[in-house]
Amino acid sequence: SSQPSTSNNRRRRRQATQKHRHGDAPAIMTNSNSADVATPAKPIIRNRDMLALKAYIQAKDATQYDDVHKTTVILDLTHSNLVQRHVEVRFDLHDTLATLQQRIHQKTGTSPGFQHLQIKSGGSVIAEIPPEHDDSVKLGFFGLQHGMEVHCVDLNPHSGSRGGQYEDTSLVEKFSLSEDEYNQRSGTLRDWGRKKKAEDPTFSLARHAQQHREMVEAKRQHRLGLALPKGFHIDANGEVARSDDDDEYDKHDGGNKNANGANADGTSAQAAAENGEFGGSSVDGISIEQRCQVQPGSRRGTVAFVGEVPELGGHWVGVRFDEPVGKADGCMNGTRYFDALPKHGGFVRGKNVEVGDFPERDIFEEDSDEDEL
């Protein structure tokens, strides 16, 4: 009866030897009375990035406690009812067991009388401390070392931490309010919006929020000494304000013209030029090569053109800005009026241009009182 078993074992050995010759690891053989079991191989990391990451993380594992005082021990605290883990809590080996129990009570809510402590190393329990243990014993008595875990088993059957009461937010009753109850409340955002809507039928919360964000951004740029965004200017009080109109030509929408070529007030550009609003007198005192400051935004630059622009109607001032805060490059519908880099030029109405001693700004020399505490 042993002859077939012996032949089977020989056949298995030959198969294992053949696999070994072809580069496969031979399986561990057992006798005929036991099942063939292959020892699972430990995973080998061959990825260079993973190996580098592992080396970086473990680089100081052997020396991480070298700078810790010899009587100090660093422990992790865990709890039977809680998912949370309090890592690297420092104790002194001369502290008493009562100190450890009190610290656990503060962090978990379990009083010392219900704390059954387990000292773990590498996941294995090496010592247990029942709640009735003498709490005047020093921690050094238990042989605690860096990295060990002190696990608290809560013996209180009525503990507040049972069932996730301290961590499971789904158990907390949420405040809810029906639409009708919210509509009836005063002083809410919806109530304020209704009042604003009654004052201005075109009011909307979305537009109000957008305007608020734009104002905050404009104030931020002014505080940093940057050019103000389109549609904002500095008022007489030195505060950032929203402009009612924008008389600088926007090459994307044709300036203040509507789809019919008329200005915002309904008059044509030619009529506005003829009535003197944008005539030659609007640019009196402004000449080429003068330094200037343009509103809105207190943008600085040099006057590069003064005169009529038929494509826009009336007289305009061409400004070559020091920074890319313009909307053009000196060209209008294929006609070159002055030279400027892209976004360094702009056609501006004379009323928004102030000429004088406006040197180019040095952002490193400007300080803001609001940025200094």
Protein backbone atom coordinates (compact mmCIF):
# COMPACT_ATOMS: atom_id res chain seq x y z
CA SER A 1 0.00 0.00 0.00
CA SER A 2 2.98 2.30 0.53
CA GLN A 3 4.30 1.80 -3.04
CA PRO A 4 1.73 4.09 -4.80
CA SER A 5 2.27 6.74 -2.15
CA THR A 6 6.05 6.62 -2.68
CA SER A 7 5.67 6.93 -6.45
CA ASN A 8 3.35 9.88 -6.05
CA ASN A 9 5.87 11.63 -3.83
CA ARG A 10 8.61 11.02 -6.38
CA ARG A 11 6.44 12.44 -9.16
CA ARG A 12 5.73 15.57 -7.12
CA ARG A 13 9.43 16.04 -6.43
CA ARG A 14 10.25 15.76 -10.15
CA GLN A 15 7.56 18.37 -10.98
CA ALA A 16 8.93 20.71 -8.31
CA THR A 17 12.47 20.23 -9.63
CA GLN A 18 11.35 21.03 -13.19
CA LYS A 19 9.62 24.20 -12.01
CA HIS A 20 12.73 25.21 -10.14
CA ARG A 21 14.84 24.72 -13.28
CA HIS A 22 12.46 26.97 -15.23
CA GLY A 23 12.75 29.73 -12.68
CA ASP A 24 9.65 29.01 -10.56
CA ALA A 25 10.05 28.74 -6.81
CA PRO A 26 9.43 25.17 -5.66
CA ALA A 27 6.46 24.57 -3.39
CA ILE A 28 7.07 23.16 0.06
CA MET A 29 6.35 19.45 0.03
CA THR A 30 4.72 17.51 2.82
CA ASN A 31 4.41 13.81 3.48
CA SER A 32 1.68 11.71 1.93
CA ASN A 33 -0.54 12.06 4.99
CA SER A 34 -0.88 15.86 4.83
CA ALA A 35 -2.13 18.29 2.23
CA ASP A 36 0.34 20.18 0.06
CA VAL A 37 0.60 23.72 1.44
CA ALA A 38 2.65 26.48 -0.20
CA THR A 39 4.09 29.08 2.14
CA PRO A 40 2.79 32.52 1.10
CA ALA A 41 5.62 34.72 -0.08
CA LYS A 42 6.14 38.09 1.55
CA PRO A 43 5.32 40.86 -0.93
CA ILE A 44 8.41 42.48 -2.36
CA ILE A 45 8.38 46.16 -3.27
CA ARG A 46 10.26 46.83 -6.49
CA ASN A 47 8.83 50.24 -7.39
CA ARG A 48 11.61 52.76 -6.91
CA ASP A 49 9.25 55.56 -5.93
CA MET A 50 7.59 53.40 -3.27
CA LEU A 51 10.98 52.30 -1.96
CA ALA A 52 12.10 55.92 -1.76
CA LEU A 53 8.91 56.87 0.06
CA LYS A 54 9.32 53.99 2.49
CA ALA A 55 12.94 54.99 3.17
CA TYR A 56 11.91 58.61 3.73
CA ILE A 57 9.15 57.70 6.17
CA GLN A 58 11.27 55.22 8.12
CA ALA A 59 14.48 57.24 7.97
CA LYS A 60 14.35 58.37 11.60
CA ASP A 61 12.42 55.49 13.14
CA ALA A 62 15.47 54.37 15.06
CA THR A 63 16.37 57.85 16.32
CA GLN A 64 13.00 59.62 16.71
CA TYR A 65 13.18 59.39 20.51
CA ASP A 66 16.85 60.30 20.90
CA ASP A 67 16.07 63.88 21.93
CA VAL A 68 13.44 62.86 24.49
CA HIS A 69 14.39 63.08 28.16
CA LYS A 70 15.30 59.74 29.68
CA THR A 71 12.42 59.88 32.20
CA THR A 72 9.84 60.79 29.53
CA VAL A 73 7.81 58.12 27.76
CA ILE A 74 5.62 58.70 24.70
CA LEU A 75 2.49 56.56 24.46
CA ASP A 76 -0.61 56.14 22.29
CA LEU A 77 -4.01 56.09 24.02
CA THR A 78 -6.97 54.16 22.61
CA HIS A 79 -10.47 53.32 23.85
CA SER A 80 -12.76 50.34 23.41
CA ASN A 81 -15.80 52.45 22.47
CA LEU A 82 -14.07 55.10 20.39
CA VAL A 83 -12.46 55.15 16.96
CA GLN A 84 -10.24 58.09 17.88
CA ARG A 85 -6.61 57.45 18.75
CA HIS A 86 -4.56 59.90 20.80
CA VAL A 87 -1.04 59.51 19.52
CA GLU A 88 2.31 60.41 21.11
CA VAL A 89 1.00 61.56 24.49
CA ARG A 90 3.90 62.36 26.81
CA PHE A 91 4.17 61.08 30.37
CA ASP A 92 6.91 61.02 32.95
CA LEU A 93 7.93 57.66 34.37
CA HIS A 94 7.64 59.24 37.82
CA ASP A 95 3.96 60.02 37.22
CA THR A 96 1.54 57.81 39.07
CA LEU A 97 -1.08 55.50 37.62
CA ALA A 98 -3.66 58.04 38.79
CA THR A 99 -2.13 60.60 36.41
CA LEU A 100 -2.51 58.22 33.47
CA GLN A 101 -6.10 57.39 34.45
CA GLN A 102 -6.98 61.06 34.82
CA ARG A 103 -5.55 61.85 31.37
CA ILE A 104 -7.61 59.04 29.84
CA HIS A 105 -10.67 60.34 31.67
CA GLN A 106 -10.15 63.80 30.18
CA LYS A 107 -9.77 62.45 26.63
CA THR A 108 -12.42 59.72 26.60
CA GLY A 109 -14.89 60.49 29.37
CA THR A 110 -14.40 57.17 31.17
CA SER A 111 -13.83 57.66 34.89
CA PRO A 112 -10.90 55.82 36.56
CA GLY A 113 -13.25 53.45 38.39
CA PHE A 114 -14.35 51.91 35.07
CA GLN A 115 -10.96 51.82 33.33
CA HIS A 116 -9.47 48.40 32.66
CA LEU A 117 -6.14 49.24 31.05
CA GLN A 118 -4.20 47.05 28.64
CA ILE A 119 -0.58 47.80 27.81
CA LYS A 120 0.14 46.72 24.24
CA SER A 121 3.35 46.44 22.27
CA GLY A 122 3.15 45.61 18.59
CA GLY A 123 -0.55 44.89 18.97
CA SER A 124 -0.05 42.26 21.68
CA VAL A 125 -1.19 42.72 25.27
CA ILE A 126 1.81 42.47 27.60
CA ALA A 127 0.16 43.68 30.82
CA GLU A 128 -3.27 44.46 32.20
CA ILE A 129 -4.17 46.94 34.92
CA PRO A 130 -7.60 46.47 36.50
CA PRO A 131 -9.45 49.51 37.91
CA GLU A 132 -8.89 48.37 41.50
CA HIS A 133 -5.09 48.50 41.09
CA ASP A 134 -3.18 50.80 43.45
CA ASP A 135 -3.17 54.14 41.63
CA SER A 136 -0.16 55.46 43.57
CA VAL A 137 2.22 53.16 41.66
CA LYS A 138 4.66 54.94 39.37
CA LEU A 139 4.37 54.39 35.63
CA GLY A 140 7.97 53.21 35.50
CA PHE A 141 6.85 50.12 37.44
CA PHE A 142 4.96 48.83 34.38
CA GLY A 143 8.01 48.90 32.08
CA LEU A 144 6.46 51.36 29.63
CA GLN A 145 8.54 52.24 26.56
CA HIS A 146 8.20 54.69 23.70
CA GLY A 147 5.56 53.77 21.13
CA MET A 148 3.57 51.45 23.36
CA GLU A 149 -0.22 51.63 23.40
CA VAL A 150 -2.40 51.97 26.48
CA HIS A 151 -5.85 50.66 25.58
CA CYS A 152 -8.76 51.50 27.88
CA VAL A 153 -11.58 48.97 28.12
CA ASP A 154 -14.66 50.82 29.37
CA LEU A 155 -16.43 48.66 31.97
CA ASN A 156 -19.31 51.08 32.53
CA PRO A 157 -22.48 49.52 31.07
CA HIS A 158 -24.08 52.96 30.94
CA SER A 159 -21.06 54.77 29.47
CA GLY A 160 -21.83 57.80 27.37
CA SER A 161 -19.35 56.61 24.73
CA ARG A 162 -21.24 53.38 24.03
CA GLY A 163 -22.93 53.08 20.65
CA GLY A 164 -20.98 55.93 19.09
CA GLN A 165 -22.56 58.63 21.22
CA TYR A 166 -19.35 60.71 21.18
CA GLU A 167 -18.40 60.25 17.54
CA ASP A 168 -21.35 59.23 15.34
CA THR A 169 -22.82 62.53 14.12
CA SER A 170 -25.73 60.70 12.48
CA LEU A 171 -27.14 60.14 15.97
CA VAL A 172 -27.42 63.89 16.58
CA GLU A 173 -30.87 65.28 15.94
CA LYS A 174 -30.62 67.94 13.26
CA PHE A 175 -32.52 71.21 13.40
CA SER A 176 -35.03 71.46 10.59
CA LEU A 177 -37.39 74.19 9.47
CA SER A 178 -40.17 73.94 6.92
CA GLU A 179 -40.46 76.37 4.02
CA ASP A 180 -43.59 77.96 5.50
CA GLU A 181 -41.93 78.46 8.90
CA TYR A 182 -38.88 79.99 7.28
CA ASN A 183 -41.01 82.31 5.12
CA GLN A 184 -42.81 83.59 8.21
CA ARG A 185 -39.59 84.46 10.05
CA SER A 186 -38.32 88.01 10.06
CA GLY A 187 -34.71 89.06 9.93
CA THR A 188 -33.70 86.22 7.64
CA LEU A 189 -31.87 86.54 4.34
CA ARG A 190 -35.06 85.70 2.48
CA ASP A 191 -36.98 88.39 4.39
CA TRP A 192 -34.27 90.95 3.60
CA GLY A 193 -34.39 89.95 -0.06
CA ARG A 194 -38.16 90.45 -0.17
CA LYS A 195 -37.79 93.96 1.26
CA LYS A 196 -35.10 94.81 -1.29
CA LYS A 197 -37.27 93.41 -4.06
CA ALA A 198 -40.12 95.68 -2.97
CA GLU A 199 -37.78 98.70 -3.17
CA ASP A 200 -36.24 97.66 -6.49
CA PRO A 201 -38.09 95.16 -8.69
CA THR A 202 -34.85 94.34 -10.53
CA PHE A 203 -33.06 93.29 -7.33
CA SER A 204 -31.81 89.73 -7.02
CA LEU A 205 -29.72 88.02 -4.36
CA ALA A 206 -27.43 86.54 -6.99
CA ARG A 207 -26.61 89.93 -8.47
CA HIS A 208 -26.15 91.44 -5.01
CA ALA A 209 -23.70 88.65 -4.08
CA GLN A 210 -21.78 89.20 -7.32
CA GLN A 211 -21.55 92.95 -6.75
CA HIS A 212 -20.35 92.34 -3.20
CA ARG A 213 -17.59 90.02 -4.42
CA GLU A 214 -16.55 92.57 -7.04
CA MET A 215 -16.37 95.34 -4.43
CA VAL A 216 -14.29 93.19 -2.08
CA GLU A 217 -11.87 92.40 -4.91
CA ALA A 218 -11.64 96.07 -5.92
CA LYS A 219 -10.82 97.10 -2.34
CA ARG A 220 -8.20 94.38 -2.15
CA GLN A 221 -6.49 95.58 -5.33
CA HIS A 222 -6.59 99.18 -4.12
CA ARG A 223 -5.06 98.15 -0.80
CA LEU A 224 -2.23 96.39 -2.67
CA GLY A 225 -1.62 99.41 -4.89
CA LEU A 226 -2.87 97.67 -8.03
CA ALA A 227 -5.10 99.10 -10.72
CA LEU A 228 -8.79 99.00 -9.93
CA PRO A 229 -11.03 96.71 -11.99
CA LYS A 230 -13.26 98.18 -14.66
CA GLY A 231 -16.26 100.01 -13.23
CA PHE A 232 -14.60 101.26 -10.02
CA HIS A 233 -12.91 104.51 -9.06
CA ILE A 234 -11.63 106.39 -6.02
CA ASP A 235 -14.17 108.94 -4.77
CA ALA A 236 -13.51 112.31 -3.14
CA ASN A 237 -13.14 110.64 0.26
CA GLY A 238 -10.45 108.33 -1.02
CA GLU A 239 -12.72 105.29 -0.87
CA VAL A 240 -13.32 102.70 -3.58
CA ALA A 241 -16.67 103.35 -5.26
CA ARG A 242 -18.54 101.86 -8.16
CA SER A 243 -18.58 104.03 -11.28
CA ASP A 244 -21.93 104.93 -12.81
CA ASP A 245 -20.43 104.95 -16.29
CA ASP A 246 -17.25 103.91 -18.03
CA ASP A 247 -16.01 106.28 -20.69
CA GLU A 248 -13.04 104.19 -21.70
CA TYR A 249 -13.45 102.38 -24.98
CA ASP A 250 -13.87 98.63 -24.61
CA LYS A 251 -12.76 96.93 -27.77
CA HIS A 252 -14.88 93.91 -26.93
CA ASP A 253 -18.24 95.67 -26.88
CA GLY A 254 -17.51 98.90 -28.72
CA GLY A 255 -17.31 101.14 -25.68
CA ASN A 256 -20.54 102.80 -24.57
CA LYS A 257 -22.29 102.07 -27.83
CA ASN A 258 -25.28 99.81 -28.03
CA ALA A 259 -26.14 97.51 -30.91
CA ASN A 260 -27.43 100.48 -32.95
CA GLY A 261 -24.23 102.49 -32.54
CA ALA A 262 -25.78 104.88 -30.00
CA ASN A 263 -24.40 105.90 -26.63
CA ALA A 264 -25.91 104.75 -23.37
CA ASP A 265 -28.11 107.88 -23.18
CA GLY A 266 -29.64 107.16 -26.61
CA THR A 267 -27.74 109.84 -28.54
CA SER A 268 -25.42 108.99 -31.40
CA ALA A 269 -21.67 109.40 -31.04
CA GLN A 270 -21.69 112.12 -33.73
CA ALA A 271 -24.39 114.09 -31.86
CA ALA A 272 -22.42 113.84 -28.63
CA ALA A 273 -19.35 115.18 -30.40
CA GLU A 274 -21.29 118.08 -31.93
CA ASN A 275 -22.84 119.23 -28.65
CA GLY A 276 -19.39 119.75 -27.17
CA GLU A 277 -19.44 116.98 -24.60
CA PHE A 278 -16.68 115.13 -26.43
CA GLY A 279 -15.50 117.97 -28.65
CA GLY A 280 -12.08 119.55 -28.84
CA SER A 281 -12.60 121.39 -25.56
CA SER A 282 -12.86 118.07 -23.73
CA VAL A 283 -9.15 117.45 -24.31
CA ASP A 284 -7.85 120.98 -23.76
CA GLY A 285 -4.58 121.09 -21.83
CA ILE A 286 -3.66 117.54 -22.75
CA SER A 287 -0.73 116.99 -25.08
CA ILE A 288 1.37 114.10 -26.27
CA GLU A 289 4.21 112.83 -24.05
CA GLN A 290 2.63 114.23 -20.88
CA ARG A 291 2.48 111.96 -17.87
CA CYS A 292 -1.07 111.26 -16.76
CA GLN A 293 -3.32 109.38 -14.39
CA VAL A 294 -6.51 107.75 -15.67
CA GLN A 295 -9.72 106.99 -13.82
CA PRO A 296 -11.13 104.63 -12.82
CA GLY A 297 -8.28 102.84 -11.14
CA SER A 298 -5.70 105.65 -10.90
CA ARG A 299 -3.80 103.99 -13.75
CA ARG A 300 -0.67 105.81 -14.81
CA GLY A 301 0.92 106.19 -18.18
CA THR A 302 1.96 108.60 -20.96
CA VAL A 303 -0.28 110.46 -23.39
CA ALA A 304 0.41 109.01 -26.84
CA PHE A 305 -2.46 110.48 -28.88
CA VAL A 306 -4.92 113.40 -28.66
CA GLY A 307 -7.58 113.95 -31.27
CA GLU A 308 -10.63 112.65 -33.05
CA VAL A 309 -11.32 108.98 -33.54
CA PRO A 310 -14.00 108.68 -36.23
CA GLU A 311 -14.67 105.07 -35.38
CA LEU A 312 -15.69 106.08 -31.86
CA GLY A 313 -16.94 109.62 -32.42
CA GLY A 314 -15.58 112.75 -30.74
CA HIS A 315 -12.19 113.47 -29.27
CA TRP A 316 -10.25 110.88 -27.33
CA VAL A 317 -6.96 110.63 -25.46
CA GLY A 318 -4.73 107.70 -26.33
CA VAL A 319 -2.78 106.56 -23.28
CA ARG A 320 0.18 104.19 -23.18
CA PHE A 321 -0.10 102.62 -19.70
CA ASP A 322 2.89 101.63 -17.59
CA GLU A 323 1.29 98.28 -16.80
CA PRO A 324 -1.04 95.93 -18.75
CA VAL A 325 -4.22 97.57 -17.47
CA GLY A 326 -5.57 98.81 -20.81
CA LYS A 327 -7.94 97.36 -23.38
CA ALA A 328 -6.19 98.07 -26.68
CA ASP A 329 -2.80 98.46 -28.33
CA GLY A 330 -3.28 101.82 -30.04
CA CYS A 331 -5.08 100.40 -33.06
CA MET A 332 -8.77 100.95 -33.86
CA ASN A 333 -10.50 99.01 -36.62
CA GLY A 334 -7.25 98.65 -38.54
CA THR A 335 -6.14 102.28 -38.08
CA ARG A 336 -3.01 102.76 -36.00
CA TYR A 337 -3.26 105.90 -33.80
CA PHE A 338 -0.28 105.19 -31.52
CA ASP A 339 2.04 102.33 -30.62
CA ALA A 340 1.57 100.28 -27.47
CA LEU A 341 1.98 96.74 -26.33
CA PRO A 342 -1.15 94.57 -26.05
CA LYS A 343 -3.29 95.66 -23.08
CA HIS A 344 -0.93 98.60 -22.50
CA GLY A 345 -3.02 101.08 -24.50
CA GLY A 346 -6.42 102.64 -24.17
CA PHE A 347 -8.68 105.33 -25.64
CA VAL A 348 -10.03 107.45 -22.79
CA ARG A 349 -12.33 110.47 -22.61
CA GLY A 350 -10.57 113.66 -21.63
CA LYS A 351 -12.64 114.11 -18.46
CA ASN A 352 -11.08 110.92 -17.05
CA VAL A 353 -7.48 111.97 -17.72
CA GLU A 354 -5.43 114.09 -15.33
CA VAL A 355 -2.03 115.24 -16.56
CA GLY A 356 0.82 116.23 -14.27
CA ASP A 357 3.70 114.79 -12.30
CA PHE A 358 2.74 111.13 -12.18
CA PRO A 359 5.94 109.07 -12.20
CA GLU A 360 5.80 105.34 -12.77
CA ARG A 361 4.89 103.52 -9.58
CA ASP A 362 7.36 101.30 -7.75
CA ILE A 363 5.26 98.66 -6.04
CA PHE A 364 8.10 97.90 -3.63
CA GLU A 365 8.04 101.42 -2.21
CA GLU A 366 4.32 101.56 -1.50
CA ASP A 367 3.11 100.70 1.98
CA SER A 368 -0.48 100.51 3.14
CA ASP A 369 -1.53 101.40 6.67
CA GLU A 370 -4.05 98.57 6.52
CA ASP A 371 -1.27 96.06 5.96
CA GLU A 372 0.66 97.18 9.05
CA LEU A 373 -0.35 96.16 12.56
